[in-house]
C-alpha atoms as a PDB file:
ATOM      1  CA  UNK A   1      -0.156   0.052  -0.134  1.00  0.00           C
ATOM      2  CA  UNK A   2       2.720   2.556   0.811  1.00  0.00           C
ATOM      3  CA  UNK A   3       4.456   1.832  -2.328  1.00  0.00           C
ATOM      4  CA  UNK A   4       1.454   2.526  -4.515  1.00  0.00           C
ATOM      5  CA  UNK A   5       0.823   5.910  -2.397  1.00  0.00           C
ATOM      6  CA  UNK A   6       4.646   6.766  -3.007  1.00  0.00           C
ATOM      7  CA  UNK A   7       4.107   6.384  -6.605  1.00  0.00           C
ATOM      8  CA  UNK A   8       0.678   8.411  -6.832  1.00  0.00           C
ATOM      9  CA  UNK A   9       2.398  10.654  -4.902  1.00  0.00           C
ATOM     10  CA  UNK A  10       5.754  10.711  -7.280  1.00  0.00           C
ATOM     11  CA  UNK A  11       3.015  11.109 -10.395  1.00  0.00           C
ATOM     12  CA  UNK A  12       1.218  13.970  -8.969  1.00  0.00           C
ATOM     13  CA  UNK A  13       4.890  15.715  -8.378  1.00  0.00           C
ATOM     14  CA  UNK A  14       5.585  15.339 -11.956  1.00  0.00           C
ATOM     15  CA  UNK A  15       2.334  16.355 -13.073  1.00  0.00           C
ATOM     16  CA  UNK A  16       1.268  19.333 -10.881  1.00  0.00           C
ATOM     17  CA  UNK A  17       4.424  21.672 -12.328  1.00  0.00           C
ATOM     18  CA  UNK A  18       2.626  21.241 -15.775  1.00  0.00           C
ATOM     19  CA  UNK A  19      -0.882  22.079 -14.369  1.00  0.00           C
ATOM     20  CA  UNK A  20       0.358  25.050 -13.013  1.00  0.00           C
ATOM     21  CA  UNK A  21       2.156  26.233 -15.701  1.00  0.00           C
ATOM     22  CA  UNK A  22      -1.238  25.803 -17.764  1.00  0.00           C
ATOM     23  CA  UNK A  23      -3.779  27.152 -15.257  1.00  0.00           C
ATOM     24  CA  UNK A  24      -1.671  29.733 -13.327  1.00  0.00           C
ATOM     25  CA  UNK A  25       0.291  33.107 -14.348  1.00  0.00           C
ATOM     26  CA  UNK A  26       3.622  31.738 -14.238  1.00  0.00           C
ATOM     27  CA  UNK A  27       4.143  31.116 -18.060  1.00  0.00           C
ATOM     28  CA  UNK A  28       3.079  34.660 -18.524  1.00  0.00           C
ATOM     29  CA  UNK A  29       4.869  37.938 -18.916  1.00  0.00           C
ATOM     30  CA  UNK A  30       3.846  40.547 -16.261  1.00  0.00           C
ATOM     31  CA  UNK A  31       3.288  43.380 -18.393  1.00  0.00           C
ATOM     32  CA  UNK A  32      -0.083  43.548 -20.145  1.00  0.00           C
ATOM     33  CA  UNK A  33      -0.464  44.358 -24.128  1.00  0.00           C
ATOM     34  CA  UNK A  34      -2.945  44.888 -26.437  1.00  0.00           C
ATOM     35  CA  UNK A  35      -3.418  42.719 -29.088  1.00  0.00           C
ATOM     36  CA  UNK A  36      -5.851  44.117 -32.089  1.00  0.00           C
ATOM     37  CA  UNK A  37      -7.172  41.554 -34.831  1.00  0.00           C
ATOM     38  CA  UNK A  38      -9.693  39.430 -36.766  1.00  0.00           C
ATOM     39  CA  UNK A  39     -11.338  36.587 -34.725  1.00  0.00           C
ATOM     40  CA  UNK A  40     -10.561  32.999 -37.010  1.00  0.00           C
ATOM     41  CA  UNK A  41     -12.092  30.817 -34.333  1.00  0.00           C
ATOM     42  CA  UNK A  42     -14.099  30.792 -31.405  1.00  0.00           C
ATOM     43  CA  UNK A  43     -13.735  27.673 -28.881  1.00  0.00           C
ATOM     44  CA  UNK A  44     -15.911  27.727 -25.683  1.00  0.00           C
ATOM     45  CA  UNK A  45     -14.858  24.457 -24.626  1.00  0.00           C
ATOM     46  CA  UNK A  46     -12.577  23.571 -21.240  1.00  0.00           C
ATOM     47  CA  UNK A  47     -10.334  23.830 -19.852  1.00  0.00           C
ATOM     48  CA  UNK A  48     -10.188  27.442 -21.061  1.00  0.00           C
ATOM     49  CA  UNK A  49     -12.551  28.780 -23.836  1.00  0.00           C
ATOM     50  CA  UNK A  50      -9.897  30.227 -26.249  1.00  0.00           C
ATOM     51  CA  UNK A  51      -9.997  32.429 -29.593  1.00  0.00           C
ATOM     52  CA  UNK A  52      -7.601  32.462 -32.474  1.00  0.00           C
ATOM     53  CA  UNK A  53      -7.013  36.212 -33.491  1.00  0.00           C
ATOM     54  CA  UNK A  54      -4.987  37.015 -36.691  1.00  0.00           C
ATOM     55  CA  UNK A  55      -3.011  40.229 -36.165  1.00  0.00           C
ATOM     56  CA  UNK A  56      -2.462  42.892 -38.563  1.00  0.00           C
ATOM     57  CA  UNK A  57       1.269  41.112 -39.626  1.00  0.00           C
ATOM     58  CA  UNK A  58      -1.059  38.145 -40.105  1.00  0.00           C
ATOM     59  CA  UNK A  59       0.363  36.296 -37.548  1.00  0.00           C
ATOM     60  CA  UNK A  60      -2.646  34.079 -35.631  1.00  0.00           C
ATOM     61  CA  UNK A  61      -2.284  34.229 -31.784  1.00  0.00           C
ATOM     62  CA  UNK A  62      -4.031  32.086 -29.358  1.00  0.00           C
ATOM     63  CA  UNK A  63      -6.050  33.968 -26.588  1.00  0.00           C
ATOM     64  CA  UNK A  64      -6.917  32.430 -23.773  1.00  0.00           C
ATOM     65  CA  UNK A  65      -9.817  33.299 -21.875  1.00  0.00           C
ATOM     66  CA  UNK A  66     -10.969  32.212 -18.279  1.00  0.00           C
ATOM     67  CA  UNK A  67     -12.296  28.583 -17.295  1.00  0.00           C
ATOM     68  CA  UNK A  68     -15.660  28.181 -18.475  1.00  0.00           C
ATOM     69  CA  UNK A  69     -17.719  29.453 -15.820  1.00  0.00           C
ATOM     70  CA  UNK A  70     -15.631  32.782 -15.260  1.00  0.00           C
ATOM     71  CA  UNK A  71     -15.538  33.477 -18.835  1.00  0.00           C
ATOM     72  CA  UNK A  72     -19.823  33.080 -18.824  1.00  0.00           C
ATOM     73  CA  UNK A  73     -19.845  35.194 -15.901  1.00  0.00           C
ATOM     74  CA  UNK A  74     -18.225  37.936 -17.509  1.00  0.00           C
ATOM     75  CA  UNK A  75     -20.816  37.979 -20.452  1.00  0.00           C
ATOM     76  CA  UNK A  76     -18.726  35.999 -22.857  1.00  0.00           C
ATOM     77  CA  UNK A  77     -20.977  33.120 -24.319  1.00  0.00           C
ATOM     78  CA  UNK A  78     -21.604  31.328 -27.325  1.00  0.00           C
ATOM     79  CA  UNK A  79     -22.632  33.980 -29.562  1.00  0.00           C
ATOM     80  CA  UNK A  80     -20.770  36.637 -28.347  1.00  0.00           C
ATOM     81  CA  UNK A  81     -18.156  36.754 -30.553  1.00  0.00           C
ATOM     82  CA  UNK A  82     -17.662  35.082 -34.318  1.00  0.00           C
ATOM     83  CA  UNK A  83     -15.082  34.364 -37.148  1.00  0.00           C
ATOM     84  CA  UNK A  84     -14.442  37.770 -38.538  1.00  0.00           C
ATOM     85  CA  UNK A  85     -15.311  40.127 -35.799  1.00  0.00           C
ATOM     86  CA  UNK A  86     -12.785  42.750 -34.700  1.00  0.00           C
ATOM     87  CA  UNK A  87     -11.274  42.227 -31.261  1.00  0.00           C
ATOM     88  CA  UNK A  88      -8.492  43.996 -28.977  1.00  0.00           C
ATOM     89  CA  UNK A  89      -7.856  41.762 -26.360  1.00  0.00           C
ATOM     90  CA  UNK A  90      -5.994  42.879 -23.535  1.00  0.00           C
ATOM     91  CA  UNK A  91      -3.656  40.434 -21.472  1.00  0.00           C
ATOM     92  CA  UNK A  92      -0.555  38.828 -20.797  1.00  0.00           C
ATOM     93  CA  UNK A  93       1.545  37.211 -23.669  1.00  0.00           C
ATOM     94  CA  UNK A  94       3.584  34.291 -23.142  1.00  0.00           C
ATOM     95  CA  UNK A  95       7.173  34.582 -21.816  1.00  0.00           C
ATOM     96  CA  UNK A  96       8.125  32.146 -24.699  1.00  0.00           C
ATOM     97  CA  UNK A  97       8.451  34.705 -27.420  1.00  0.00           C
ATOM     98  CA  UNK A  98       8.356  31.743 -30.103  1.00  0.00           C
ATOM     99  CA  UNK A  99       4.469  30.959 -28.582  1.00  0.00           C
ATOM    100  CA  UNK A 100       1.955  33.323 -29.831  1.00  0.00           C
ATOM    101  CA  UNK A 101      -0.461  32.874 -26.781  1.00  0.00           C
ATOM    102  CA  UNK A 102      -1.764  35.403 -24.435  1.00  0.00           C
ATOM    103  CA  UNK A 103      -4.141  35.005 -21.405  1.00  0.00           C
ATOM    104  CA  UNK A 104      -6.598  37.667 -21.604  1.00  0.00           C
ATOM    105  CA  UNK A 105      -8.107  39.815 -18.943  1.00  0.00           C
ATOM    106  CA  UNK A 106     -10.309  41.747 -21.115  1.00  0.00           C
ATOM    107  CA  UNK A 107     -11.638  41.496 -24.873  1.00  0.00           C
ATOM    108  CA  UNK A 108     -13.615  43.928 -26.320  1.00  0.00           C
ATOM    109  CA  UNK A 109     -15.726  42.408 -29.625  1.00  0.00           C
ATOM    110  CA  UNK A 110     -16.869  45.764 -31.537  1.00  0.00           C
ATOM    111  CA  UNK A 111     -18.601  47.754 -28.752  1.00  0.00           C
ATOM    112  CA  UNK A 112     -18.933  44.688 -25.937  1.00  0.00           C
ATOM    113  CA  UNK A 113     -16.296  44.664 -23.329  1.00  0.00           C
ATOM    114  CA  UNK A 114     -15.996  41.522 -21.380  1.00  0.00           C
ATOM    115  CA  UNK A 115     -13.754  41.902 -18.443  1.00  0.00           C
ATOM    116  CA  UNK A 116     -12.591  38.010 -17.759  1.00  0.00           C
ATOM    117  CA  UNK A 117     -10.278  39.024 -14.772  1.00  0.00           C
ATOM    118  CA  UNK A 118     -11.473  42.259 -13.434  1.00  0.00           C
ATOM    119  CA  UNK A 119      -9.221  41.956 -10.755  1.00  0.00           C
ATOM    120  CA  UNK A 120      -5.886  41.988 -12.744  1.00  0.00           C
ATOM    121  CA  UNK A 121      -6.625  44.642 -15.279  1.00  0.00           C
ATOM    122  CA  UNK A 122      -3.838  47.260 -14.974  1.00  0.00           C
ATOM    123  CA  UNK A 123      -1.665  45.205 -12.944  1.00  0.00           C
ATOM    124  CA  UNK A 124       1.610  44.258 -14.560  1.00  0.00           C
END
């Protein structure tokens, strides 16, 4: 029994940092930036709803929102945005500059603003 517990604990110790890196903010830069572009794809699925956004330079970014409940509570639900819509995302980009990914704290689609992480807006 102790061996099984030890193995489970070891597996958890190996998996936990990856989970924290994905779900926390440790992978993102502290400074917030704005990304303007056109939505190419909207996914409202766990673990995080995401947007694929084409910037002016034609680079396509992955913009992560909050967890599904948090995103829905911010008013961003199915149909709130669609491919072709213009968007401005405020958030923290990946520290890995080769990765075009950001965690959005706010997204503005047309005239509608969605504060995904209101407590984090302006922090950075």
